[in-house]
Amino acid sequence: MYGTSEGADLASDSVSGLLASGAFYASQTFWTAAGVAVAVLMGCGAVWAALRAAHPRRRLTYSTTHAPLVHEPVGGALEIRCNGTLLADPHLVRIVLTNPGRRDIPSGAFDRGQPIRVELGVPYVELVATESEPSAAELPPVTLHGSELRIGPGLIGCGTTVTCLLLVDTPPACRYRHSLLDVKVEQISLPAASRWAAIRPAPLVRP
């Protein structure tokens, strides 16, 4: 067996041998190349972050809430009609589109000029009101085609919320379709406590 001093000498000789033989991690060329690679990666990351900050992806969220117009059963004692049409189970529906991003969604983002479509799947629909927040924001076109609500094409500015209030007969089964380009579209849900509050302020009778 080797003594302590002999073992130390052997270890020292081994290290010296590796250095002399040009081990890759002892090469100045290796460390120079590694430094260049790290610098390139950091530079690419900085460029990507700068581009993402300068050109954030467009976003659009949507939510749907609905509640019966009459909350207590009244049997045949009460009839509700709209424009002469008798409604069996009237509901108020609120559809909310929001652009929470830092970029506008322009009219050109609607591929081939196709609007956002919301199929309500009910026998009767009446568009009661539309509004935007902030109030100075221009509303995109909103129209009804049968039981389908169509929104756009039109500008939806950054930070803008578009709200549509509808009167329908029977609870709706909303189905959203869109052809927006370079826009992340996602559904959000209102907290349970705020769902009725989101509809309650709506006037039930208009002058």
C-alpha atoms as a PDB file:
ATOM      1  CA  MET A   1       0.000   0.000   0.000  1.00  0.00           C
ATOM      2  CA  TYR A   2       1.132   3.519  -0.576  1.00  0.00           C
ATOM      3  CA  GLY A   3       1.968   5.914   2.253  1.00  0.00           C
ATOM      4  CA  THR A   4       0.256   9.244   2.618  1.00  0.00           C
ATOM      5  CA  SER A   5       3.041  11.190   0.947  1.00  0.00           C
ATOM      6  CA  GLU A   6       3.299   8.673  -1.871  1.00  0.00           C
ATOM      7  CA  GLY A   7      -0.480   8.819  -2.453  1.00  0.00           C
ATOM      8  CA  ALA A   8      -0.401  12.601  -2.612  1.00  0.00           C
ATOM      9  CA  ASP A   9       2.473  12.490  -5.083  1.00  0.00           C
ATOM     10  CA  LEU A  10       0.567  10.041  -7.283  1.00  0.00           C
ATOM     11  CA  ALA A  11      -2.570  12.228  -7.229  1.00  0.00           C
ATOM     12  CA  SER A  12      -0.499  15.267  -8.112  1.00  0.00           C
ATOM     13  CA  ASP A  13       1.176  13.366 -10.941  1.00  0.00           C
ATOM     14  CA  SER A  14      -2.258  12.241 -12.233  1.00  0.00           C
ATOM     15  CA  VAL A  15      -3.603  15.819 -12.334  1.00  0.00           C
ATOM     16  CA  SER A  16      -0.426  17.027 -14.001  1.00  0.00           C
ATOM     17  CA  GLY A  17      -0.746  14.214 -16.533  1.00  0.00           C
ATOM     18  CA  LEU A  18      -4.332  15.153 -17.387  1.00  0.00           C
ATOM     19  CA  LEU A  19      -3.400  18.775 -17.779  1.00  0.00           C
ATOM     20  CA  ALA A  20      -0.419  17.863 -19.880  1.00  0.00           C
ATOM     21  CA  SER A  21      -2.505  15.526 -22.055  1.00  0.00           C
ATOM     22  CA  GLY A  22      -4.920  18.334 -22.828  1.00  0.00           C
ATOM     23  CA  ALA A  23      -8.058  17.234 -20.927  1.00  0.00           C
ATOM     24  CA  PHE A  24     -11.057  19.055 -22.466  1.00  0.00           C
ATOM     25  CA  TYR A  25     -12.058  20.859 -19.256  1.00  0.00           C
ATOM     26  CA  ALA A  26      -8.523  22.180 -18.813  1.00  0.00           C
ATOM     27  CA  SER A  27      -8.394  23.625 -22.312  1.00  0.00           C
ATOM     28  CA  GLN A  28      -8.617  27.390 -22.640  1.00  0.00           C
ATOM     29  CA  THR A  29     -10.331  26.872 -26.002  1.00  0.00           C
ATOM     30  CA  PHE A  30     -13.098  24.856 -24.294  1.00  0.00           C
ATOM     31  CA  TRP A  31     -13.812  27.562 -21.727  1.00  0.00           C
ATOM     32  CA  THR A  32     -13.725  30.269 -24.389  1.00  0.00           C
ATOM     33  CA  ALA A  33     -16.247  28.342 -26.487  1.00  0.00           C
ATOM     34  CA  ALA A  34     -18.421  27.689 -23.433  1.00  0.00           C
ATOM     35  CA  GLY A  35     -18.402  31.387 -22.609  1.00  0.00           C
ATOM     36  CA  VAL A  36     -19.406  32.260 -26.171  1.00  0.00           C
ATOM     37  CA  ALA A  37     -22.249  29.700 -26.075  1.00  0.00           C
ATOM     38  CA  VAL A  38     -23.583  31.084 -22.791  1.00  0.00           C
ATOM     39  CA  ALA A  39     -23.391  34.636 -24.120  1.00  0.00           C
ATOM     40  CA  VAL A  40     -25.277  33.626 -27.293  1.00  0.00           C
ATOM     41  CA  LEU A  41     -28.006  31.890 -25.280  1.00  0.00           C
ATOM     42  CA  MET A  42     -28.375  34.877 -22.982  1.00  0.00           C
ATOM     43  CA  GLY A  43     -28.507  37.187 -25.990  1.00  0.00           C
ATOM     44  CA  CYS A  44     -31.215  35.072 -27.649  1.00  0.00           C
ATOM     45  CA  GLY A  45     -33.204  35.063 -24.413  1.00  0.00           C
ATOM     46  CA  ALA A  46     -32.961  38.815 -24.125  1.00  0.00           C
ATOM     47  CA  VAL A  47     -34.044  39.290 -27.752  1.00  0.00           C
ATOM     48  CA  TRP A  48     -37.007  36.920 -27.262  1.00  0.00           C
ATOM     49  CA  ALA A  49     -38.069  38.710 -24.085  1.00  0.00           C
ATOM     50  CA  ALA A  50     -37.788  42.093 -25.797  1.00  0.00           C
ATOM     51  CA  LEU A  51     -39.832  40.918 -28.784  1.00  0.00           C
ATOM     52  CA  ARG A  52     -42.485  39.404 -26.507  1.00  0.00           C
ATOM     53  CA  ALA A  53     -42.699  42.626 -24.506  1.00  0.00           C
ATOM     54  CA  ALA A  54     -42.934  44.717 -27.667  1.00  0.00           C
ATOM     55  CA  HIS A  55     -45.408  42.390 -29.416  1.00  0.00           C
ATOM     56  CA  PRO A  56     -47.496  40.560 -26.794  1.00  0.00           C
ATOM     57  CA  ARG A  57     -49.972  38.029 -28.126  1.00  0.00           C
ATOM     58  CA  ARG A  58     -53.556  39.216 -28.457  1.00  0.00           C
ATOM     59  CA  ARG A  59     -56.069  37.749 -26.016  1.00  0.00           C
ATOM     60  CA  LEU A  60     -59.851  37.550 -25.795  1.00  0.00           C
ATOM     61  CA  THR A  61     -61.881  36.073 -22.954  1.00  0.00           C
ATOM     62  CA  TYR A  62     -65.589  35.323 -22.911  1.00  0.00           C
ATOM     63  CA  SER A  63     -68.128  34.401 -20.240  1.00  0.00           C
ATOM     64  CA  THR A  64     -71.834  33.639 -20.162  1.00  0.00           C
ATOM     65  CA  THR A  65     -74.317  34.012 -17.309  1.00  0.00           C
ATOM     66  CA  HIS A  66     -78.061  33.558 -17.315  1.00  0.00           C
ATOM     67  CA  ALA A  67     -80.906  33.631 -14.825  1.00  0.00           C
ATOM     68  CA  PRO A  68     -84.692  33.172 -15.020  1.00  0.00           C
ATOM     69  CA  LEU A  69     -86.702  36.337 -15.424  1.00  0.00           C
ATOM     70  CA  VAL A  70     -89.174  35.078 -12.807  1.00  0.00           C
ATOM     71  CA  HIS A  71     -87.636  33.275  -9.847  1.00  0.00           C
ATOM     72  CA  GLU A  72     -90.787  32.002  -8.208  1.00  0.00           C
ATOM     73  CA  PRO A  73     -93.248  29.578  -9.872  1.00  0.00           C
ATOM     74  CA  VAL A  74     -96.529  31.328 -10.640  1.00  0.00           C
ATOM     75  CA  GLY A  75     -98.289  28.694 -12.747  1.00  0.00           C
ATOM     76  CA  GLY A  76    -100.778  30.146 -15.196  1.00  0.00           C
ATOM     77  CA  ALA A  77    -101.351  33.292 -13.152  1.00  0.00           C
ATOM     78  CA  LEU A  78     -98.745  35.255 -15.117  1.00  0.00           C
ATOM     79  CA  GLU A  79     -98.015  35.468 -18.813  1.00  0.00           C
ATOM     80  CA  ILE A  80     -94.883  37.107 -20.199  1.00  0.00           C
ATOM     81  CA  ARG A  81     -94.897  38.232 -23.798  1.00  0.00           C
ATOM     82  CA  CYS A  82     -92.268  40.002 -25.866  1.00  0.00           C
ATOM     83  CA  ASN A  83     -93.388  41.697 -29.079  1.00  0.00           C
ATOM     84  CA  GLY A  84     -96.523  39.600 -28.906  1.00  0.00           C
ATOM     85  CA  THR A  85     -94.682  36.292 -28.442  1.00  0.00           C
ATOM     86  CA  LEU A  86     -95.643  34.273 -25.368  1.00  0.00           C
ATOM     87  CA  LEU A  87     -92.539  33.124 -23.469  1.00  0.00           C
ATOM     88  CA  ALA A  88     -92.791  29.846 -21.579  1.00  0.00           C
ATOM     89  CA  ASP A  89     -89.575  30.126 -19.505  1.00  0.00           C
ATOM     90  CA  PRO A  90     -87.930  33.521 -20.088  1.00  0.00           C
ATOM     91  CA  HIS A  91     -84.287  33.994 -19.105  1.00  0.00           C
ATOM     92  CA  LEU A  92     -81.897  36.920 -19.222  1.00  0.00           C
ATOM     93  CA  VAL A  93     -78.530  36.074 -20.732  1.00  0.00           C
ATOM     94  CA  ARG A  94     -75.398  38.176 -20.417  1.00  0.00           C
ATOM     95  CA  ILE A  95     -72.519  37.534 -22.826  1.00  0.00           C
ATOM     96  CA  VAL A  96     -69.263  39.303 -22.006  1.00  0.00           C
ATOM     97  CA  LEU A  97     -66.200  39.591 -24.252  1.00  0.00           C
ATOM     98  CA  THR A  98     -63.050  41.174 -22.829  1.00  0.00           C
ATOM     99  CA  ASN A  99     -59.696  42.043 -24.365  1.00  0.00           C
ATOM    100  CA  PRO A 100     -57.374  41.865 -21.309  1.00  0.00           C
ATOM    101  CA  GLY A 101     -54.192  42.122 -23.356  1.00  0.00           C
ATOM    102  CA  ARG A 102     -51.989  45.054 -24.261  1.00  0.00           C
ATOM    103  CA  ARG A 103     -52.776  44.910 -27.991  1.00  0.00           C
ATOM    104  CA  ASP A 104     -55.933  45.829 -29.860  1.00  0.00           C
ATOM    105  CA  ILE A 105     -57.829  43.140 -31.744  1.00  0.00           C
ATOM    106  CA  PRO A 106     -58.357  44.869 -35.107  1.00  0.00           C
ATOM    107  CA  SER A 107     -61.026  44.177 -37.691  1.00  0.00           C
ATOM    108  CA  GLY A 108     -58.370  42.450 -39.791  1.00  0.00           C
ATOM    109  CA  ALA A 109     -57.976  39.735 -37.127  1.00  0.00           C
ATOM    110  CA  PHE A 110     -61.396  38.370 -38.164  1.00  0.00           C
ATOM    111  CA  ASP A 111     -60.408  35.866 -40.866  1.00  0.00           C
ATOM    112  CA  ARG A 112     -62.371  36.449 -44.091  1.00  0.00           C
ATOM    113  CA  GLY A 113     -64.483  38.957 -42.183  1.00  0.00           C
ATOM    114  CA  GLN A 114     -66.216  36.199 -40.214  1.00  0.00           C
ATOM    115  CA  PRO A 115     -67.809  37.385 -36.932  1.00  0.00           C
ATOM    116  CA  ILE A 116     -67.693  35.702 -33.551  1.00  0.00           C
ATOM    117  CA  ARG A 117     -70.778  33.453 -33.451  1.00  0.00           C
ATOM    118  CA  VAL A 118     -72.695  32.471 -30.332  1.00  0.00           C
ATOM    119  CA  GLU A 119     -75.354  29.840 -30.976  1.00  0.00           C
ATOM    120  CA  LEU A 120     -77.879  30.028 -28.139  1.00  0.00           C
ATOM    121  CA  GLY A 121     -79.973  27.012 -29.029  1.00  0.00           C
ATOM    122  CA  VAL A 122     -83.302  28.512 -27.928  1.00  0.00           C
ATOM    123  CA  PRO A 123     -86.613  29.053 -29.736  1.00  0.00           C
ATOM    124  CA  TYR A 124     -86.724  32.807 -29.104  1.00  0.00           C
ATOM    125  CA  VAL A 125     -84.024  35.489 -28.722  1.00  0.00           C
ATOM    126  CA  GLU A 126     -84.348  39.256 -28.305  1.00  0.00           C
ATOM    127  CA  LEU A 127     -81.292  41.527 -28.084  1.00  0.00           C
ATOM    128  CA  VAL A 128     -82.073  43.837 -25.155  1.00  0.00           C
ATOM    129  CA  ALA A 129     -78.923  45.941 -24.897  1.00  0.00           C
ATOM    130  CA  THR A 130     -75.238  46.193 -25.789  1.00  0.00           C
ATOM    131  CA  GLU A 131     -72.597  48.264 -24.044  1.00  0.00           C
ATOM    132  CA  SER A 132     -68.849  48.755 -23.911  1.00  0.00           C
ATOM    133  CA  GLU A 133     -66.461  49.519 -21.086  1.00  0.00           C
ATOM    134  CA  PRO A 134     -64.887  52.053 -21.154  1.00  0.00           C
ATOM    135  CA  SER A 135     -67.933  53.826 -22.479  1.00  0.00           C
ATOM    136  CA  ALA A 136     -65.852  55.757 -25.026  1.00  0.00           C
ATOM    137  CA  ALA A 137     -64.825  52.508 -26.745  1.00  0.00           C
ATOM    138  CA  GLU A 138     -66.611  51.891 -30.029  1.00  0.00           C
ATOM    139  CA  LEU A 139     -68.733  48.754 -30.098  1.00  0.00           C
ATOM    140  CA  PRO A 140     -68.149  46.201 -32.858  1.00  0.00           C
ATOM    141  CA  PRO A 141     -71.286  45.342 -34.854  1.00  0.00           C
ATOM    142  CA  VAL A 142     -73.693  43.076 -32.933  1.00  0.00           C
ATOM    143  CA  THR A 143     -76.566  41.370 -34.783  1.00  0.00           C
ATOM    144  CA  LEU A 144     -78.994  38.490 -34.365  1.00  0.00           C
ATOM    145  CA  HIS A 145     -79.514  35.819 -37.028  1.00  0.00           C
ATOM    146  CA  GLY A 146     -82.200  33.440 -35.808  1.00  0.00           C
ATOM    147  CA  SER A 147     -80.948  32.090 -32.486  1.00  0.00           C
ATOM    148  CA  GLU A 148     -77.345  33.043 -33.275  1.00  0.00           C
ATOM    149  CA  LEU A 149     -75.653  36.188 -31.932  1.00  0.00           C
ATOM    150  CA  ARG A 150     -72.920  37.608 -34.172  1.00  0.00           C
ATOM    151  CA  ILE A 151     -70.257  39.995 -32.929  1.00  0.00           C
ATOM    152  CA  GLY A 152     -67.884  41.763 -35.324  1.00  0.00           C
ATOM    153  CA  PRO A 153     -65.894  42.091 -37.363  1.00  0.00           C
ATOM    154  CA  GLY A 154     -64.772  45.248 -35.635  1.00  0.00           C
ATOM    155  CA  LEU A 155     -62.108  46.695 -33.373  1.00  0.00           C
ATOM    156  CA  ILE A 156     -61.971  45.394 -29.805  1.00  0.00           C
ATOM    157  CA  GLY A 157     -59.448  47.664 -28.142  1.00  0.00           C
ATOM    158  CA  CYS A 158     -57.047  46.636 -25.407  1.00  0.00           C
ATOM    159  CA  GLY A 159     -58.771  46.738 -22.027  1.00  0.00           C
ATOM    160  CA  THR A 160     -62.217  46.871 -23.663  1.00  0.00           C
ATOM    161  CA  THR A 161     -65.195  44.816 -22.474  1.00  0.00           C
ATOM    162  CA  VAL A 162     -68.216  44.240 -24.724  1.00  0.00           C
ATOM    163  CA  THR A 163     -71.430  43.133 -23.002  1.00  0.00           C
ATOM    164  CA  CYS A 164     -74.582  41.852 -24.706  1.00  0.00           C
ATOM    165  CA  LEU A 165     -77.833  41.352 -22.796  1.00  0.00           C
ATOM    166  CA  LEU A 166     -80.447  39.066 -24.337  1.00  0.00           C
ATOM    167  CA  LEU A 167     -83.921  37.867 -23.470  1.00  0.00           C
ATOM    168  CA  VAL A 168     -84.445  34.210 -24.420  1.00  0.00           C
ATOM    169  CA  ASP A 169     -87.096  31.554 -23.949  1.00  0.00           C
ATOM    170  CA  THR A 170     -85.797  28.487 -22.033  1.00  0.00           C
ATOM    171  CA  PRO A 171     -82.249  28.226 -20.600  1.00  0.00           C
ATOM    172  CA  PRO A 172     -79.618  28.663 -23.334  1.00  0.00           C
ATOM    173  CA  ALA A 173     -76.867  26.243 -24.330  1.00  0.00           C
ATOM    174  CA  CYS A 174     -74.312  28.717 -25.682  1.00  0.00           C
ATOM    175  CA  ARG A 175     -71.817  27.487 -28.266  1.00  0.00           C
ATOM    176  CA  TYR A 176     -69.057  29.872 -29.330  1.00  0.00           C
ATOM    177  CA  ARG A 177     -67.305  29.806 -32.704  1.00  0.00           C
ATOM    178  CA  HIS A 178     -64.696  32.192 -34.098  1.00  0.00           C
ATOM    179  CA  SER A 179     -62.076  32.554 -36.815  1.00  0.00           C
ATOM    180  CA  LEU A 180     -59.796  35.088 -35.103  1.00  0.00           C
ATOM    181  CA  LEU A 181     -56.182  35.105 -36.247  1.00  0.00           C
ATOM    182  CA  ASP A 182     -53.275  35.280 -33.767  1.00  0.00           C
ATOM    183  CA  VAL A 183     -55.671  35.701 -30.848  1.00  0.00           C
ATOM    184  CA  LYS A 184     -55.760  33.417 -27.809  1.00  0.00           C
ATOM    185  CA  VAL A 185     -59.455  32.916 -27.027  1.00  0.00           C
ATOM    186  CA  GLU A 186     -60.422  31.383 -23.691  1.00  0.00           C
ATOM    187  CA  GLN A 187     -63.530  30.970 -21.594  1.00  0.00           C
ATOM    188  CA  ILE A 188     -63.597  32.277 -18.037  1.00  0.00           C
ATOM    189  CA  SER A 189     -66.113  31.660 -15.275  1.00  0.00           C
ATOM    190  CA  LEU A 190     -67.491  34.235 -12.909  1.00  0.00           C
ATOM    191  CA  PRO A 191     -67.360  33.346  -9.200  1.00  0.00           C
ATOM    192  CA  ALA A 192     -70.616  31.723  -8.085  1.00  0.00           C
ATOM    193  CA  ALA A 193     -71.459  34.648  -5.776  1.00  0.00           C
ATOM    194  CA  SER A 194     -71.280  37.168  -8.619  1.00  0.00           C
ATOM    195  CA  ARG A 195     -73.272  35.325 -11.299  1.00  0.00           C
ATOM    196  CA  TRP A 196     -76.649  36.682 -10.245  1.00  0.00           C
ATOM    197  CA  ALA A 197     -75.120  40.090  -9.455  1.00  0.00           C
ATOM    198  CA  ALA A 198     -73.873  40.220 -13.059  1.00  0.00           C
ATOM    199  CA  ILE A 199     -77.460  40.061 -14.326  1.00  0.00           C
ATOM    200  CA  ARG A 200     -79.552  41.679 -11.623  1.00  0.00           C
ATOM    201  CA  PRO A 201     -78.869  45.366 -12.523  1.00  0.00           C
ATOM    202  CA  ALA A 202     -80.458  44.881 -15.956  1.00  0.00           C
ATOM    203  CA  PRO A 203     -83.833  46.630 -16.298  1.00  0.00           C
ATOM    204  CA  LEU A 204     -86.713  44.173 -16.708  1.00  0.00           C
ATOM    205  CA  VAL A 205     -89.071  46.723 -18.217  1.00  0.00           C
ATOM    206  CA  ARG A 206     -87.972  49.317 -20.756  1.00  0.00           C
ATOM    207  CA  PRO A 207     -89.919  52.480 -21.474  1.00  0.00           C
END
